[in-house]
Amino acid sequence: MWWREGNDFYDHGNAFRYSVSATTADQDLQGNVWNVPTPPAGFRLALNENPFYNPVFTWNDVGPPGTNTLLPHNNFQDPDDWFQPAAGTNYECATDQFACASRSFRNVATDFDYLVATDQIDNDPYTDETRWMFKKDLFKRIEENPVLQNDVVLNNFYIAMQGTTLAELVPVEADKNELFVPDNFSEALLQQYRADAAQQLTLIEQQMVLLDTAFVNDDTATVRILSDDIMDLQETVTATNTFAEDVIADETADRITTATAIGISNNILAATNTPEENEQIVNEIYLRTIGSDVFEFTQDDIETLYSIAIQCPMQGGNAVFYGTVAICFG
């Protein structure tokens, strides 16, 4: 659904292309931007090779904030006037070209969302497990964007999912992902201690230069004074490092306590399908090991993760990818 998310097309030939058999409905969410206004020689910014299908794409002829990207000129689109100027809000890409998504997209309900919410996805490629993953992603989006609850269909879906294992896994995942995010106070303390230690080490270096000069000049009194000063500064650095280690230790203790609590919430859930079971198992292992500062898996953990990693993601869910990463880590 690239047209809805916003695509940041760089200097690519035929970056936006319809093949001879491609079709979609007209699009009015204005989601495609070109950072480079001129494509390589012989290419187009947008190319439609289907002579029997010419959908209309609308675009507000004012680039997103902070950019100069405009509607692609007719010289660089084929057929002419495929993209037409229109009033409205253009969707802006994320700064990361590998995570190109509109800042507004997650607040927008799509036709596909309605199919997911009403159990109307019937295409053969979609297994029951895949449908479950779509539902979980949609529930998570609604949870993170309460404005979506204003939509009757999505709100009914959101209410119907309450209390299910699918819904209960969402906060487990969110809390798990926050485990290694330091709180603002601790982060500020660590930054201050780092700055203090750097300043103290600079002073030690300066004093060492003076001490070397005092030795050369055989200035015994100055040598004694500078030596005492350097020792005091070294003790200050040690104290600063100790303070920082205490903050890290407190953070670690809090994280282990939190991981244990999340683990309890995860372990009491009753899995109803393979993706839920896999996610629950991966959560349990992660929270008991990495989340609790145990950076080594047991042989049983490795075998369990491997049994998940070798599954097809369409059957085993996203936990298959987590299992693969964990195996590499182990």
C-alpha atoms as a PDB file:
ATOM      1  CA  MET A   1       0.000   0.000   0.000  1.00  0.00           C
ATOM      2  CA  TRP A   2       2.782   2.336  -1.002  1.00  0.00           C
ATOM      3  CA  TRP A   3       0.414   5.058  -2.181  1.00  0.00           C
ATOM      4  CA  ARG A   4      -0.995   5.463   1.315  1.00  0.00           C
ATOM      5  CA  GLU A   5       2.254   5.529   3.244  1.00  0.00           C
ATOM      6  CA  GLY A   6       4.241   7.992   1.185  1.00  0.00           C
ATOM      7  CA  ASN A   7       7.248   6.973  -0.826  1.00  0.00           C
ATOM      8  CA  ASP A   8      10.458   8.933  -0.747  1.00  0.00           C
ATOM      9  CA  PHE A   9      11.766   8.252  -4.245  1.00  0.00           C
ATOM     10  CA  TYR A  10      15.446   9.042  -4.583  1.00  0.00           C
ATOM     11  CA  ASP A  11      17.409   9.146  -7.853  1.00  0.00           C
ATOM     12  CA  HIS A  12      15.814   6.024  -9.313  1.00  0.00           C
ATOM     13  CA  GLY A  13      14.800   5.340 -12.884  1.00  0.00           C
ATOM     14  CA  ASN A  14      11.101   4.454 -13.222  1.00  0.00           C
ATOM     15  CA  ALA A  15      10.830   4.686  -9.446  1.00  0.00           C
ATOM     16  CA  PHE A  16       7.042   4.524  -9.575  1.00  0.00           C
ATOM     17  CA  ARG A  17       5.974   1.955 -12.166  1.00  0.00           C
ATOM     18  CA  TYR A  18       2.842   0.121 -13.241  1.00  0.00           C
ATOM     19  CA  SER A  19       3.425  -3.052 -15.239  1.00  0.00           C
ATOM     20  CA  VAL A  20       1.195  -4.006 -18.164  1.00  0.00           C
ATOM     21  CA  SER A  21      -1.134  -5.897 -15.816  1.00  0.00           C
ATOM     22  CA  ALA A  22      -1.103  -3.571 -12.804  1.00  0.00           C
ATOM     23  CA  THR A  23      -4.346  -2.015 -11.589  1.00  0.00           C
ATOM     24  CA  THR A  24      -5.503  -0.101  -8.527  1.00  0.00           C
ATOM     25  CA  ALA A  25      -8.298   2.263  -7.735  1.00  0.00           C
ATOM     26  CA  ASP A  26      -7.813   6.018  -8.037  1.00  0.00           C
ATOM     27  CA  GLN A  27      -5.751   7.327  -5.129  1.00  0.00           C
ATOM     28  CA  ASP A  28      -6.378  10.573  -3.292  1.00  0.00           C
ATOM     29  CA  LEU A  29      -4.057  10.288  -0.282  1.00  0.00           C
ATOM     30  CA  GLN A  30      -1.227  12.107  -2.046  1.00  0.00           C
ATOM     31  CA  GLY A  31       1.618  10.038  -0.724  1.00  0.00           C
ATOM     32  CA  ASN A  32       4.482  10.101  -3.216  1.00  0.00           C
ATOM     33  CA  VAL A  33       7.369  12.551  -3.128  1.00  0.00           C
ATOM     34  CA  TRP A  34      10.468  12.914  -5.264  1.00  0.00           C
ATOM     35  CA  ASN A  35      13.572  14.333  -3.597  1.00  0.00           C
ATOM     36  CA  VAL A  36      15.375  14.360  -6.945  1.00  0.00           C
ATOM     37  CA  PRO A  37      13.226  16.241  -9.497  1.00  0.00           C
ATOM     38  CA  THR A  38      14.991  14.808 -12.565  1.00  0.00           C
ATOM     39  CA  PRO A  39      15.394  11.045 -13.167  1.00  0.00           C
ATOM     40  CA  PRO A  40      18.374   9.432 -14.922  1.00  0.00           C
ATOM     41  CA  ALA A  41      18.428   9.895 -18.698  1.00  0.00           C
ATOM     42  CA  GLY A  42      15.782   7.900 -20.528  1.00  0.00           C
ATOM     43  CA  PHE A  43      13.711   7.159 -17.463  1.00  0.00           C
ATOM     44  CA  ARG A  44      10.583   8.585 -15.847  1.00  0.00           C
ATOM     45  CA  LEU A  45       9.706   9.449 -12.286  1.00  0.00           C
ATOM     46  CA  ALA A  46       6.397   7.676 -12.857  1.00  0.00           C
ATOM     47  CA  LEU A  47       5.657   5.179 -15.607  1.00  0.00           C
ATOM     48  CA  ASN A  48       2.415   3.343 -16.444  1.00  0.00           C
ATOM     49  CA  GLU A  49       2.884   0.522 -18.947  1.00  0.00           C
ATOM     50  CA  ASN A  50      -0.747  -0.609 -18.843  1.00  0.00           C
ATOM     51  CA  PRO A  51      -2.442   1.014 -21.880  1.00  0.00           C
ATOM     52  CA  PHE A  52      -5.909   0.001 -20.677  1.00  0.00           C
ATOM     53  CA  TYR A  53      -5.703   1.386 -17.162  1.00  0.00           C
ATOM     54  CA  ASN A  54      -4.999   4.952 -16.200  1.00  0.00           C
ATOM     55  CA  PRO A  55      -5.844   5.655 -12.539  1.00  0.00           C
ATOM     56  CA  VAL A  56      -5.720   9.223 -11.308  1.00  0.00           C
ATOM     57  CA  PHE A  57      -3.274  10.227  -8.598  1.00  0.00           C
ATOM     58  CA  THR A  58      -3.862  13.573  -6.919  1.00  0.00           C
ATOM     59  CA  TRP A  59      -1.154  15.684  -5.347  1.00  0.00           C
ATOM     60  CA  ASN A  60      -1.066  19.045  -3.602  1.00  0.00           C
ATOM     61  CA  ASP A  61       1.452  21.005  -5.674  1.00  0.00           C
ATOM     62  CA  VAL A  62       3.289  22.207  -2.566  1.00  0.00           C
ATOM     63  CA  GLY A  63       5.958  19.957  -1.131  1.00  0.00           C
ATOM     64  CA  PRO A  64       5.888  18.664   2.457  1.00  0.00           C
ATOM     65  CA  PRO A  65       7.297  21.022   5.134  1.00  0.00           C
ATOM     66  CA  GLY A  66      11.013  21.573   4.779  1.00  0.00           C
ATOM     67  CA  THR A  67      11.236  20.100   1.271  1.00  0.00           C
ATOM     68  CA  ASN A  68      10.966  21.374  -2.283  1.00  0.00           C
ATOM     69  CA  THR A  69       9.389  18.246  -3.714  1.00  0.00           C
ATOM     70  CA  LEU A  70       6.610  18.983  -6.185  1.00  0.00           C
ATOM     71  CA  LEU A  71       4.235  17.205  -8.512  1.00  0.00           C
ATOM     72  CA  PRO A  72       6.373  15.400 -11.113  1.00  0.00           C
ATOM     73  CA  HIS A  73       6.493  17.401 -14.319  1.00  0.00           C
ATOM     74  CA  ASN A  74       4.719  15.903 -17.327  1.00  0.00           C
ATOM     75  CA  ASN A  75       8.097  15.425 -18.986  1.00  0.00           C
ATOM     76  CA  PHE A  76       8.882  12.845 -16.324  1.00  0.00           C
ATOM     77  CA  GLN A  77       5.596  10.965 -16.090  1.00  0.00           C
ATOM     78  CA  ASP A  78       4.013   8.689 -18.669  1.00  0.00           C
ATOM     79  CA  PRO A  79       1.179   9.099 -19.543  1.00  0.00           C
ATOM     80  CA  ASP A  80       0.826  12.857 -19.213  1.00  0.00           C
ATOM     81  CA  ASP A  81      -1.362  14.177 -16.404  1.00  0.00           C
ATOM     82  CA  TRP A  82      -1.310  10.874 -14.559  1.00  0.00           C
ATOM     83  CA  PHE A  83      -0.605  12.896 -11.416  1.00  0.00           C
ATOM     84  CA  GLN A  84      -2.968  15.834 -11.085  1.00  0.00           C
ATOM     85  CA  PRO A  85      -2.729  18.784  -8.690  1.00  0.00           C
ATOM     86  CA  ALA A  86      -5.449  18.944  -6.051  1.00  0.00           C
ATOM     87  CA  ALA A  87      -6.030  20.510  -2.672  1.00  0.00           C
ATOM     88  CA  GLY A  88      -5.343  18.422   0.380  1.00  0.00           C
ATOM     89  CA  THR A  89      -2.575  17.238   2.676  1.00  0.00           C
ATOM     90  CA  ASN A  90       0.441  15.505   1.208  1.00  0.00           C
ATOM     91  CA  TYR A  91       1.812  12.646   3.245  1.00  0.00           C
ATOM     92  CA  GLU A  92       5.375  13.162   4.416  1.00  0.00           C
ATOM     93  CA  CYS A  93       7.939  10.385   4.511  1.00  0.00           C
ATOM     94  CA  ALA A  94       9.909   9.461   7.576  1.00  0.00           C
ATOM     95  CA  THR A  95      13.539  10.621   7.589  1.00  0.00           C
ATOM     96  CA  ASP A  96      14.718   7.002   7.498  1.00  0.00           C
ATOM     97  CA  GLN A  97      14.467   5.844   3.878  1.00  0.00           C
ATOM     98  CA  PHE A  98      14.140   2.257   5.138  1.00  0.00           C
ATOM     99  CA  ALA A  99      11.113   3.133   7.262  1.00  0.00           C
ATOM    100  CA  CYS A 100       9.289   5.366   4.850  1.00  0.00           C
ATOM    101  CA  ALA A 101       5.922   5.978   6.459  1.00  0.00           C
ATOM    102  CA  SER A 102       3.626   8.934   6.697  1.00  0.00           C
ATOM    103  CA  ARG A 103       3.525  10.767   9.988  1.00  0.00           C
ATOM    104  CA  SER A 104      -0.232  10.726   9.617  1.00  0.00           C
ATOM    105  CA  PHE A 105      -0.633   7.214   8.243  1.00  0.00           C
ATOM    106  CA  ARG A 106      -1.134   5.398  11.530  1.00  0.00           C
ATOM    107  CA  ASN A 107      -4.129   7.609  12.241  1.00  0.00           C
ATOM    108  CA  VAL A 108      -5.739   6.735   8.907  1.00  0.00           C
ATOM    109  CA  ALA A 109      -8.160   3.824   8.511  1.00  0.00           C
ATOM    110  CA  THR A 110      -7.684   1.949   5.240  1.00  0.00           C
ATOM    111  CA  ASP A 111      -9.959  -0.330   3.255  1.00  0.00           C
ATOM    112  CA  PHE A 112      -7.705  -3.208   4.240  1.00  0.00           C
ATOM    113  CA  ASP A 113      -8.208  -2.336   7.924  1.00  0.00           C
ATOM    114  CA  TYR A 114     -11.949  -2.734   7.469  1.00  0.00           C
ATOM    115  CA  LEU A 115     -11.450  -6.138   5.865  1.00  0.00           C
ATOM    116  CA  VAL A 116      -9.296  -7.210   8.786  1.00  0.00           C
ATOM    117  CA  ALA A 117     -11.732  -5.833  11.365  1.00  0.00           C
ATOM    118  CA  THR A 118     -14.718  -7.580   9.812  1.00  0.00           C
ATOM    119  CA  ASP A 119     -13.037 -10.908   8.983  1.00  0.00           C
ATOM    120  CA  GLN A 120     -13.496 -10.483   5.257  1.00  0.00           C
ATOM    121  CA  ILE A 121      -9.995 -11.383   4.072  1.00  0.00           C
ATOM    122  CA  ASP A 122     -10.591 -14.446   1.922  1.00  0.00           C
ATOM    123  CA  ASN A 123      -7.587 -14.523  -0.397  1.00  0.00           C
ATOM    124  CA  ASP A 124      -5.915 -17.929  -0.522  1.00  0.00           C
ATOM    125  CA  PRO A 125      -2.415 -16.693   0.450  1.00  0.00           C
ATOM    126  CA  TYR A 126      -3.714 -15.560   3.816  1.00  0.00           C
ATOM    127  CA  THR A 127      -3.612 -18.369   6.370  1.00  0.00           C
ATOM    128  CA  ASP A 128      -5.564 -18.228   9.609  1.00  0.00           C
ATOM    129  CA  GLU A 129      -2.304 -17.391  11.323  1.00  0.00           C
ATOM    130  CA  THR A 130      -1.656 -14.520   8.906  1.00  0.00           C
ATOM    131  CA  ARG A 131      -5.140 -13.160   9.540  1.00  0.00           C
ATOM    132  CA  TRP A 132      -4.341 -13.291  13.263  1.00  0.00           C
ATOM    133  CA  MET A 133      -1.176 -11.247  12.671  1.00  0.00           C
ATOM    134  CA  PHE A 134      -3.152  -8.642  10.723  1.00  0.00           C
ATOM    135  CA  LYS A 135      -5.631  -8.416  13.593  1.00  0.00           C
ATOM    136  CA  LYS A 136      -2.903  -8.005  16.166  1.00  0.00           C
ATOM    137  CA  ASP A 137      -1.234  -5.244  14.150  1.00  0.00           C
ATOM    138  CA  LEU A 138      -4.565  -3.464  13.714  1.00  0.00           C
ATOM    139  CA  PHE A 139      -5.394  -3.782  17.417  1.00  0.00           C
ATOM    140  CA  LYS A 140      -1.982  -2.373  18.273  1.00  0.00           C
ATOM    141  CA  ARG A 141      -2.497   0.595  15.943  1.00  0.00           C
ATOM    142  CA  ILE A 142      -5.878   1.346  17.493  1.00  0.00           C
ATOM    143  CA  GLU A 143      -4.378   1.035  20.965  1.00  0.00           C
ATOM    144  CA  GLU A 144      -1.620   3.504  20.092  1.00  0.00           C
ATOM    145  CA  ASN A 145      -3.930   5.869  18.177  1.00  0.00           C
ATOM    146  CA  PRO A 146      -7.195   6.340  20.116  1.00  0.00           C
ATOM    147  CA  VAL A 147      -8.523   8.583  17.331  1.00  0.00           C
ATOM    148  CA  LEU A 148      -9.131   5.392  15.337  1.00  0.00           C
ATOM    149  CA  GLN A 149     -11.711   4.400  17.942  1.00  0.00           C
ATOM    150  CA  ASN A 150     -13.930   7.139  16.520  1.00  0.00           C
ATOM    151  CA  ASP A 151     -14.510   4.827  13.578  1.00  0.00           C
ATOM    152  CA  VAL A 152     -17.498   2.587  14.371  1.00  0.00           C
ATOM    153  CA  VAL A 153     -16.158  -0.492  12.574  1.00  0.00           C
ATOM    154  CA  LEU A 154     -12.703  -0.245  14.115  1.00  0.00           C
ATOM    155  CA  ASN A 155     -14.101   0.516  17.558  1.00  0.00           C
ATOM    156  CA  ASN A 156     -16.359  -2.555  17.394  1.00  0.00           C
ATOM    157  CA  PHE A 157     -13.315  -4.619  16.435  1.00  0.00           C
ATOM    158  CA  TYR A 158     -11.286  -3.080  19.263  1.00  0.00           C
ATOM    159  CA  ILE A 159     -14.001  -3.861  21.827  1.00  0.00           C
ATOM    160  CA  ALA A 160     -14.469  -7.403  20.523  1.00  0.00           C
ATOM    161  CA  MET A 161     -10.744  -8.107  20.893  1.00  0.00           C
ATOM    162  CA  GLN A 162     -10.608  -7.009  24.541  1.00  0.00           C
ATOM    163  CA  GLY A 163      -9.636  -9.841  26.875  1.00  0.00           C
ATOM    164  CA  THR A 164      -8.301 -12.081  24.113  1.00  0.00           C
ATOM    165  CA  THR A 165      -4.772 -13.418  24.165  1.00  0.00           C
ATOM    166  CA  LEU A 166      -4.123 -11.367  21.043  1.00  0.00           C
ATOM    167  CA  ALA A 167      -4.991  -8.168  22.914  1.00  0.00           C
ATOM    168  CA  GLU A 168      -3.089  -9.156  26.064  1.00  0.00           C
ATOM    169  CA  LEU A 169       0.094  -9.803  24.084  1.00  0.00           C
ATOM    170  CA  VAL A 170       0.159  -6.200  22.848  1.00  0.00           C
ATOM    171  CA  PRO A 171       1.060  -4.560  26.212  1.00  0.00           C
ATOM    172  CA  VAL A 172       3.490  -7.406  26.906  1.00  0.00           C
ATOM    173  CA  GLU A 173       5.281  -6.584  23.660  1.00  0.00           C
ATOM    174  CA  ALA A 174       5.199  -2.837  24.359  1.00  0.00           C
ATOM    175  CA  ASP A 175       6.555  -3.231  27.899  1.00  0.00           C
ATOM    176  CA  LYS A 176       9.224  -5.669  26.716  1.00  0.00           C
ATOM    177  CA  ASN A 177      10.412  -3.202  24.074  1.00  0.00           C
ATOM    178  CA  GLU A 178      10.771  -0.485  26.719  1.00  0.00           C
ATOM    179  CA  LEU A 179      12.969  -2.528  29.058  1.00  0.00           C
ATOM    180  CA  PHE A 180      16.274  -1.060  27.901  1.00  0.00           C
ATOM    181  CA  VAL A 181      15.026   2.496  27.499  1.00  0.00           C
ATOM    182  CA  PRO A 182      16.512   4.513  30.411  1.00  0.00           C
ATOM    183  CA  ASP A 183      14.294   6.940  32.252  1.00  0.00           C
ATOM    184  CA  ASN A 184      14.988  10.627  31.670  1.00  0.00           C
ATOM    185  CA  PHE A 185      16.360  11.244  35.158  1.00  0.00           C
ATOM    186  CA  SER A 186      18.873   8.396  35.002  1.00  0.00           C
ATOM    187  CA  GLU A 187      19.889   9.381  31.484  1.00  0.00           C
ATOM    188  CA  ALA A 188      20.511  12.963  32.610  1.00  0.00           C
ATOM    189  CA  LEU A 189      22.588  11.781  35.581  1.00  0.00           C
ATOM    190  CA  LEU A 190      24.735   9.524  33.428  1.00  0.00           C
ATOM    191  CA  GLN A 191      25.354  12.304  30.926  1.00  0.00           C
ATOM    192  CA  GLN A 192      26.346  14.663  33.734  1.00  0.00           C
ATOM    193  CA  TYR A 193      28.685  12.092  35.282  1.00  0.00           C
ATOM    194  CA  ARG A 194      30.261  11.461  31.896  1.00  0.00           C
ATOM    195  CA  ALA A 195      30.840  15.191  31.399  1.00  0.00           C
ATOM    196  CA  ASP A 196      32.282  15.488  34.919  1.00  0.00           C
ATOM    197  CA  ALA A 197      34.645  12.576  34.392  1.00  0.00           C
ATOM    198  CA  ALA A 198      35.824  13.989  31.051  1.00  0.00           C
ATOM    199  CA  GLN A 199      36.546  17.339  32.673  1.00  0.00           C
ATOM    200  CA  GLN A 200      38.419  15.693  35.538  1.00  0.00           C
ATOM    201  CA  LEU A 201      40.525  13.599  33.160  1.00  0.00           C
ATOM    202  CA  THR A 202      41.416  16.743  31.206  1.00  0.00           C
ATOM    203  CA  LEU A 203      42.619  18.368  34.439  1.00  0.00           C
ATOM    204  CA  ILE A 204      44.704  15.298  35.224  1.00  0.00           C
ATOM    205  CA  GLU A 205      46.345  15.483  31.803  1.00  0.00           C
ATOM    206  CA  GLN A 206      47.145  19.154  32.359  1.00  0.00           C
ATOM    207  CA  GLN A 207      48.589  18.444  35.805  1.00  0.00           C
ATOM    208  CA  MET A 208      50.685  15.595  34.388  1.00  0.00           C
ATOM    209  CA  VAL A 209      52.277  18.003  31.896  1.00  0.00           C
ATOM    210  CA  LEU A 210      53.119  20.371  34.753  1.00  0.00           C
ATOM    211  CA  LEU A 211      54.415  17.465  36.823  1.00  0.00           C
ATOM    212  CA  ASP A 212      56.723  16.403  34.013  1.00  0.00           C
ATOM    213  CA  THR A 213      58.106  19.942  33.829  1.00  0.00           C
ATOM    214  CA  ALA A 214      58.615  19.976  37.617  1.00  0.00           C
ATOM    215  CA  PHE A 215      60.583  16.726  37.419  1.00  0.00           C
ATOM    216  CA  VAL A 216      62.796  18.143  34.680  1.00  0.00           C
ATOM    217  CA  ASN A 217      63.455  21.269  36.767  1.00  0.00           C
ATOM    218  CA  ASP A 218      64.046  19.162  39.895  1.00  0.00           C
ATOM    219  CA  ASP A 219      61.358  21.250  41.646  1.00  0.00           C
ATOM    220  CA  THR A 220      60.642  18.927  44.560  1.00  0.00           C
ATOM    221  CA  ALA A 221      58.021  21.136  46.239  1.00  0.00           C
ATOM    222  CA  THR A 222      56.006  21.535  43.043  1.00  0.00           C
ATOM    223  CA  VAL A 223      56.289  17.802  42.345  1.00  0.00           C
ATOM    224  CA  ARG A 224      54.808  17.080  45.779  1.00  0.00           C
ATOM    225  CA  ILE A 225      51.928  19.551  45.320  1.00  0.00           C
ATOM    226  CA  LEU A 226      51.080  18.345  41.810  1.00  0.00           C
ATOM    227  CA  SER A 227      51.264  14.696  42.867  1.00  0.00           C
ATOM    228  CA  ASP A 228      48.773  15.372  45.666  1.00  0.00           C
ATOM    229  CA  ASP A 229      46.498  17.257  43.250  1.00  0.00           C
ATOM    230  CA  ILE A 230      46.610  14.423  40.723  1.00  0.00           C
ATOM    231  CA  MET A 231      45.795  11.846  43.392  1.00  0.00           C
ATOM    232  CA  ASP A 232      42.838  13.945  44.529  1.00  0.00           C
ATOM    233  CA  LEU A 233      41.588  14.233  40.954  1.00  0.00           C
ATOM    234  CA  GLN A 234      41.986  10.477  40.457  1.00  0.00           C
ATOM    235  CA  GLU A 235      39.911   9.857  43.563  1.00  0.00           C
ATOM    236  CA  THR A 236      37.277  12.252  42.199  1.00  0.00           C
ATOM    237  CA  VAL A 237      37.174  10.361  38.900  1.00  0.00           C
ATOM    238  CA  THR A 238      36.800   7.087  40.782  1.00  0.00           C
ATOM    239  CA  ALA A 239      33.953   8.545  42.840  1.00  0.00           C
ATOM    240  CA  THR A 240      32.240   9.849  39.694  1.00  0.00           C
ATOM    241  CA  ASN A 241      32.520   6.427  38.051  1.00  0.00           C
ATOM    242  CA  THR A 242      31.086   4.839  41.192  1.00  0.00           C
ATOM    243  CA  PHE A 243      28.117   7.186  41.094  1.00  0.00           C
ATOM    244  CA  ALA A 244      27.529   6.255  37.454  1.00  0.00           C
ATOM    245  CA  GLU A 245      27.839   2.543  38.234  1.00  0.00           C
ATOM    246  CA  ASP A 246      25.273   2.955  41.028  1.00  0.00           C
ATOM    247  CA  VAL A 247      22.825   4.547  38.593  1.00  0.00           C
ATOM    248  CA  ILE A 248      23.375   1.714  36.106  1.00  0.00           C
ATOM    249  CA  ALA A 249      22.989  -0.858  38.879  1.00  0.00           C
ATOM    250  CA  ASP A 250      19.696   0.705  39.961  1.00  0.00           C
ATOM    251  CA  GLU A 251      18.521   0.747  36.345  1.00  0.00           C
ATOM    252  CA  THR A 252      19.473  -2.917  35.992  1.00  0.00           C
ATOM    253  CA  ALA A 253      17.695  -3.906  39.215  1.00  0.00           C
ATOM    254  CA  ASP A 254      14.562  -2.035  38.133  1.00  0.00           C
ATOM    255  CA  ARG A 255      14.718  -3.644  34.701  1.00  0.00           C
ATOM    256  CA  ILE A 256      15.009  -7.145  36.165  1.00  0.00           C
ATOM    257  CA  THR A 257      12.056  -6.472  38.457  1.00  0.00           C
ATOM    258  CA  THR A 258      10.037  -5.141  35.528  1.00  0.00           C
ATOM    259  CA  ALA A 259      11.049  -8.074  33.311  1.00  0.00           C
ATOM    260  CA  THR A 260       9.886 -10.481  36.002  1.00  0.00           C
ATOM    261  CA  ALA A 261       6.522  -8.725  36.248  1.00  0.00           C
ATOM    262  CA  ILE A 262       6.107  -8.709  32.457  1.00  0.00           C
ATOM    263  CA  GLY A 263       7.047 -12.379  32.409  1.00  0.00           C
ATOM    264  CA  ILE A 264       4.259 -13.188  34.856  1.00  0.00           C
ATOM    265  CA  SER A 265       1.740 -11.343  32.677  1.00  0.00           C
ATOM    266  CA  ASN A 266       3.036 -13.191  29.624  1.00  0.00           C
ATOM    267  CA  ASN A 267       3.145 -16.653  31.154  1.00  0.00           C
ATOM    268  CA  ILE A 268      -0.441 -16.667  32.455  1.00  0.00           C
ATOM    269  CA  LEU A 269      -1.855 -16.138  28.953  1.00  0.00           C
ATOM    270  CA  ALA A 270      -3.503 -19.078  27.230  1.00  0.00           C
ATOM    271  CA  ALA A 271      -2.321 -19.378  23.632  1.00  0.00           C
ATOM    272  CA  THR A 272      -5.046 -20.223  21.116  1.00  0.00           C
ATOM    273  CA  ASN A 273      -2.907 -20.671  17.998  1.00  0.00           C
ATOM    274  CA  THR A 274       0.674 -21.148  16.839  1.00  0.00           C
ATOM    275  CA  PRO A 275       1.653 -17.441  16.535  1.00  0.00           C
ATOM    276  CA  GLU A 276       0.432 -16.767  20.073  1.00  0.00           C
ATOM    277  CA  GLU A 277       2.244 -19.815  21.417  1.00  0.00           C
ATOM    278  CA  ASN A 278       5.480 -18.865  19.641  1.00  0.00           C
ATOM    279  CA  GLU A 279       5.293 -15.249  20.772  1.00  0.00           C
ATOM    280  CA  GLN A 280       4.640 -16.323  24.341  1.00  0.00           C
ATOM    281  CA  ILE A 281       7.621 -18.702  24.309  1.00  0.00           C
ATOM    282  CA  VAL A 282       9.988 -16.125  22.791  1.00  0.00           C
ATOM    283  CA  ASN A 283       8.794 -13.530  25.321  1.00  0.00           C
ATOM    284  CA  GLU A 284       9.401 -15.927  28.209  1.00  0.00           C
ATOM    285  CA  ILE A 285      12.944 -16.744  27.108  1.00  0.00           C
ATOM    286  CA  TYR A 286      13.818 -13.117  26.367  1.00  0.00           C
ATOM    287  CA  LEU A 287      12.450 -11.796  29.669  1.00  0.00           C
ATOM    288  CA  ARG A 288      14.194 -14.542  31.662  1.00  0.00           C
ATOM    289  CA  THR A 289      17.548 -14.021  29.932  1.00  0.00           C
ATOM    290  CA  ILE A 290      18.397 -10.828  28.052  1.00  0.00           C
ATOM    291  CA  GLY A 291      15.717  -8.766  29.785  1.00  0.00           C
ATOM    292  CA  SER A 292      17.109  -9.916  33.131  1.00  0.00           C
ATOM    293  CA  ASP A 293      20.776  -9.335  32.254  1.00  0.00           C
ATOM    294  CA  VAL A 294      21.474 -13.012  31.566  1.00  0.00           C
ATOM    295  CA  PHE A 295      23.218 -12.957  28.205  1.00  0.00           C
ATOM    296  CA  GLU A 296      23.536 -16.675  27.654  1.00  0.00           C
ATOM    297  CA  PHE A 297      20.918 -19.205  26.591  1.00  0.00           C
ATOM    298  CA  THR A 298      20.636 -22.714  27.959  1.00  0.00           C
ATOM    299  CA  GLN A 299      20.741 -25.629  25.534  1.00  0.00           C
ATOM    300  CA  ASP A 300      16.989 -26.056  26.012  1.00  0.00           C
ATOM    301  CA  ASP A 301      16.463 -22.378  25.133  1.00  0.00           C
ATOM    302  CA  ILE A 302      18.533 -22.733  21.966  1.00  0.00           C
ATOM    303  CA  GLU A 303      16.642 -25.832  20.851  1.00  0.00           C
ATOM    304  CA  THR A 304      13.284 -24.172  21.563  1.00  0.00           C
ATOM    305  CA  LEU A 305      14.225 -21.000  19.693  1.00  0.00           C
ATOM    306  CA  TYR A 306      15.539 -23.050  16.783  1.00  0.00           C
ATOM    307  CA  SER A 307      12.249 -24.953  16.557  1.00  0.00           C
ATOM    308  CA  ILE A 308      10.489 -21.591  16.183  1.00  0.00           C
ATOM    309  CA  ALA A 309      13.072 -20.034  13.853  1.00  0.00           C
ATOM    310  CA  ILE A 310      12.691 -22.801  11.246  1.00  0.00           C
ATOM    311  CA  GLN A 311       8.926 -22.277  10.925  1.00  0.00           C
ATOM    312  CA  CYS A 312       7.266 -20.405   8.081  1.00  0.00           C
ATOM    313  CA  PRO A 313       6.417 -16.870   9.274  1.00  0.00           C
ATOM    314  CA  MET A 314       2.966 -17.128   7.663  1.00  0.00           C
ATOM    315  CA  GLN A 315       2.272 -20.032  10.011  1.00  0.00           C
ATOM    316  CA  GLY A 316       4.405 -19.189  13.016  1.00  0.00           C
ATOM    317  CA  GLY A 317       3.985 -15.424  13.135  1.00  0.00           C
ATOM    318  CA  ASN A 318       6.502 -12.669  13.807  1.00  0.00           C
ATOM    319  CA  ALA A 319       8.051 -14.686  16.633  1.00  0.00           C
ATOM    320  CA  VAL A 320       9.786 -16.698  13.896  1.00  0.00           C
ATOM    321  CA  PHE A 321      11.928 -13.652  13.108  1.00  0.00           C
ATOM    322  CA  TYR A 322      12.616 -12.998  16.791  1.00  0.00           C
ATOM    323  CA  GLY A 323      13.615 -16.633  17.202  1.00  0.00           C
ATOM    324  CA  THR A 324      16.036 -16.334  14.292  1.00  0.00           C
ATOM    325  CA  VAL A 325      17.643 -13.200  15.736  1.00  0.00           C
ATOM    326  CA  ALA A 326      17.887 -14.780  19.169  1.00  0.00           C
ATOM    327  CA  ILE A 327      19.600 -17.870  17.716  1.00  0.00           C
ATOM    328  CA  CYS A 328      22.170 -15.619  16.024  1.00  0.00           C
ATOM    329  CA  PHE A 329      22.686 -13.776  19.314  1.00  0.00           C
ATOM    330  CA  GLY A 330      23.110 -17.024  21.208  1.00  0.00           C
END
